[in-house]
């Protein structure tokens, strides 16, 4: 489930608190420009919240152009991949069963 601007009015700490309320434990990640996550899958549901930069995430047959303050939930066992944009990407990553 992709939600553009889901956190548009919240700062980093408020976003992390909200993610925790959903039962996730957010991990702060900073990827360099062009970093690629090859196609993979795992049983856990993944929640991503984008803070700076961009990332194109492909989930099954859908592509999402993720920007700051967007939220993306990737259901468990769904094949997904991603490519970080030209400015890099800073985001919260978390998983839960």
C-alpha atoms as a PDB file:
ATOM      1  CA  UNK A   1       0.000   0.000   0.000  1.00  0.00           C
ATOM      2  CA  UNK A   2       1.549   3.273  -1.171  1.00  0.00           C
ATOM      3  CA  UNK A   3       0.607   6.519   0.563  1.00  0.00           C
ATOM      4  CA  UNK A   4       2.192   9.628  -0.968  1.00  0.00           C
ATOM      5  CA  UNK A   5       2.781  12.428   1.561  1.00  0.00           C
ATOM      6  CA  UNK A   6       1.516  10.245   4.407  1.00  0.00           C
ATOM      7  CA  UNK A   7       3.804  12.078   6.839  1.00  0.00           C
ATOM      8  CA  UNK A   8       3.966  15.519   5.196  1.00  0.00           C
ATOM      9  CA  UNK A   9       3.471  17.477   8.429  1.00  0.00           C
ATOM     10  CA  UNK A  10       5.609  15.307  10.733  1.00  0.00           C
ATOM     11  CA  UNK A  11       9.289  15.495  11.664  1.00  0.00           C
ATOM     12  CA  UNK A  12      11.583  12.457  11.841  1.00  0.00           C
ATOM     13  CA  UNK A  13      10.914  11.747  15.542  1.00  0.00           C
ATOM     14  CA  UNK A  14       7.132  11.938  15.142  1.00  0.00           C
ATOM     15  CA  UNK A  15       7.289   9.642  12.122  1.00  0.00           C
ATOM     16  CA  UNK A  16       9.337   7.080  14.075  1.00  0.00           C
ATOM     17  CA  UNK A  17       6.825   7.225  16.945  1.00  0.00           C
ATOM     18  CA  UNK A  18       3.933   6.673  14.536  1.00  0.00           C
ATOM     19  CA  UNK A  19       5.690   3.718  12.902  1.00  0.00           C
ATOM     20  CA  UNK A  20       6.223   2.180  16.354  1.00  0.00           C
ATOM     21  CA  UNK A  21       2.488   2.549  17.080  1.00  0.00           C
ATOM     22  CA  UNK A  22       1.899   0.341  14.030  1.00  0.00           C
ATOM     23  CA  UNK A  23       4.055  -2.371  15.627  1.00  0.00           C
ATOM     24  CA  UNK A  24       7.217  -1.773  13.609  1.00  0.00           C
ATOM     25  CA  UNK A  25      10.702  -0.893  14.859  1.00  0.00           C
ATOM     26  CA  UNK A  26      12.090   1.724  12.429  1.00  0.00           C
ATOM     27  CA  UNK A  27      15.739   1.550  11.392  1.00  0.00           C
ATOM     28  CA  UNK A  28      17.319   4.702   9.901  1.00  0.00           C
ATOM     29  CA  UNK A  29      19.031   3.916   6.579  1.00  0.00           C
ATOM     30  CA  UNK A  30      21.027   6.141   4.239  1.00  0.00           C
ATOM     31  CA  UNK A  31      21.727   4.761   0.757  1.00  0.00           C
ATOM     32  CA  UNK A  32      24.079   6.253  -1.847  1.00  0.00           C
ATOM     33  CA  UNK A  33      22.865   7.379  -5.271  1.00  0.00           C
ATOM     34  CA  UNK A  34      22.126   4.518  -7.642  1.00  0.00           C
ATOM     35  CA  UNK A  35      22.170   1.776  -4.998  1.00  0.00           C
ATOM     36  CA  UNK A  36      20.165  -1.230  -6.209  1.00  0.00           C
ATOM     37  CA  UNK A  37      18.198  -3.741  -4.180  1.00  0.00           C
ATOM     38  CA  UNK A  38      17.791  -6.737  -6.514  1.00  0.00           C
ATOM     39  CA  UNK A  39      14.487  -8.619  -6.664  1.00  0.00           C
ATOM     40  CA  UNK A  40      13.849 -10.595  -3.482  1.00  0.00           C
ATOM     41  CA  UNK A  41      11.111 -11.676  -1.110  1.00  0.00           C
ATOM     42  CA  UNK A  42      10.768 -12.592   2.544  1.00  0.00           C
ATOM     43  CA  UNK A  43       7.898 -13.628   4.832  1.00  0.00           C
ATOM     44  CA  UNK A  44       7.872 -10.350   6.810  1.00  0.00           C
ATOM     45  CA  UNK A  45       5.762  -7.311   5.950  1.00  0.00           C
ATOM     46  CA  UNK A  46       8.019  -4.334   5.240  1.00  0.00           C
ATOM     47  CA  UNK A  47       7.228  -0.695   6.019  1.00  0.00           C
ATOM     48  CA  UNK A  48       9.291   2.059   4.395  1.00  0.00           C
ATOM     49  CA  UNK A  49       9.037   5.784   5.141  1.00  0.00           C
ATOM     50  CA  UNK A  50      11.086   8.088   2.939  1.00  0.00           C
ATOM     51  CA  UNK A  51      12.766  11.089   4.584  1.00  0.00           C
ATOM     52  CA  UNK A  52      15.149  12.551   1.951  1.00  0.00           C
ATOM     53  CA  UNK A  53      15.934  11.798  -1.671  1.00  0.00           C
ATOM     54  CA  UNK A  54      14.054   9.343  -3.867  1.00  0.00           C
ATOM     55  CA  UNK A  55      13.735   5.654  -4.578  1.00  0.00           C
ATOM     56  CA  UNK A  56      11.857   3.720  -7.237  1.00  0.00           C
ATOM     57  CA  UNK A  57      10.404   0.596  -5.642  1.00  0.00           C
ATOM     58  CA  UNK A  58       8.884  -2.202  -7.676  1.00  0.00           C
ATOM     59  CA  UNK A  59       6.425  -4.531  -5.919  1.00  0.00           C
ATOM     60  CA  UNK A  60       5.231  -7.367  -8.135  1.00  0.00           C
ATOM     61  CA  UNK A  61       4.087  -5.525 -11.296  1.00  0.00           C
ATOM     62  CA  UNK A  62       3.736  -2.050  -9.765  1.00  0.00           C
ATOM     63  CA  UNK A  63       6.341   0.739  -9.626  1.00  0.00           C
ATOM     64  CA  UNK A  64       6.291   3.441  -6.976  1.00  0.00           C
ATOM     65  CA  UNK A  65       8.276   6.686  -7.301  1.00  0.00           C
ATOM     66  CA  UNK A  66       8.853   7.281  -3.597  1.00  0.00           C
ATOM     67  CA  UNK A  67       9.649  10.789  -2.350  1.00  0.00           C
ATOM     68  CA  UNK A  68      10.133  12.409   1.067  1.00  0.00           C
ATOM     69  CA  UNK A  69       7.282  11.789   3.525  1.00  0.00           C
ATOM     70  CA  UNK A  70       5.827   8.909   1.459  1.00  0.00           C
ATOM     71  CA  UNK A  71       4.938   5.589   3.083  1.00  0.00           C
ATOM     72  CA  UNK A  72       5.072   2.169   1.439  1.00  0.00           C
ATOM     73  CA  UNK A  73       3.958  -1.129   2.955  1.00  0.00           C
ATOM     74  CA  UNK A  74       5.138  -4.252   1.134  1.00  0.00           C
ATOM     75  CA  UNK A  75       3.188  -7.390   2.080  1.00  0.00           C
ATOM     76  CA  UNK A  76       5.183 -10.446   3.138  1.00  0.00           C
ATOM     77  CA  UNK A  77       6.169 -12.911   0.404  1.00  0.00           C
ATOM     78  CA  UNK A  78       5.797 -10.213  -2.295  1.00  0.00           C
ATOM     79  CA  UNK A  79       8.696  -9.959  -4.713  1.00  0.00           C
ATOM     80  CA  UNK A  80      10.148  -6.453  -4.634  1.00  0.00           C
ATOM     81  CA  UNK A  81      13.217  -4.507  -5.760  1.00  0.00           C
ATOM     82  CA  UNK A  82      14.380  -0.907  -5.633  1.00  0.00           C
ATOM     83  CA  UNK A  83      16.755   1.627  -7.155  1.00  0.00           C
ATOM     84  CA  UNK A  84      17.890   4.699  -5.238  1.00  0.00           C
ATOM     85  CA  UNK A  85      17.653   8.064  -7.019  1.00  0.00           C
ATOM     86  CA  UNK A  86      20.472  10.373  -8.099  1.00  0.00           C
ATOM     87  CA  UNK A  87      20.581  12.233  -4.749  1.00  0.00           C
ATOM     88  CA  UNK A  88      20.612   9.095  -2.617  1.00  0.00           C
ATOM     89  CA  UNK A  89      17.858   8.202  -0.188  1.00  0.00           C
ATOM     90  CA  UNK A  90      17.358   8.408   3.566  1.00  0.00           C
ATOM     91  CA  UNK A  91      14.490   6.365   4.952  1.00  0.00           C
ATOM     92  CA  UNK A  92      13.098   4.308   7.797  1.00  0.00           C
ATOM     93  CA  UNK A  93      13.040   0.569   7.131  1.00  0.00           C
ATOM     94  CA  UNK A  94      11.208  -1.908   9.325  1.00  0.00           C
ATOM     95  CA  UNK A  95       9.724  -5.399   9.164  1.00  0.00           C
ATOM     96  CA  UNK A  96       7.324  -7.528  11.157  1.00  0.00           C
ATOM     97  CA  UNK A  97       5.698 -10.902  10.711  1.00  0.00           C
END
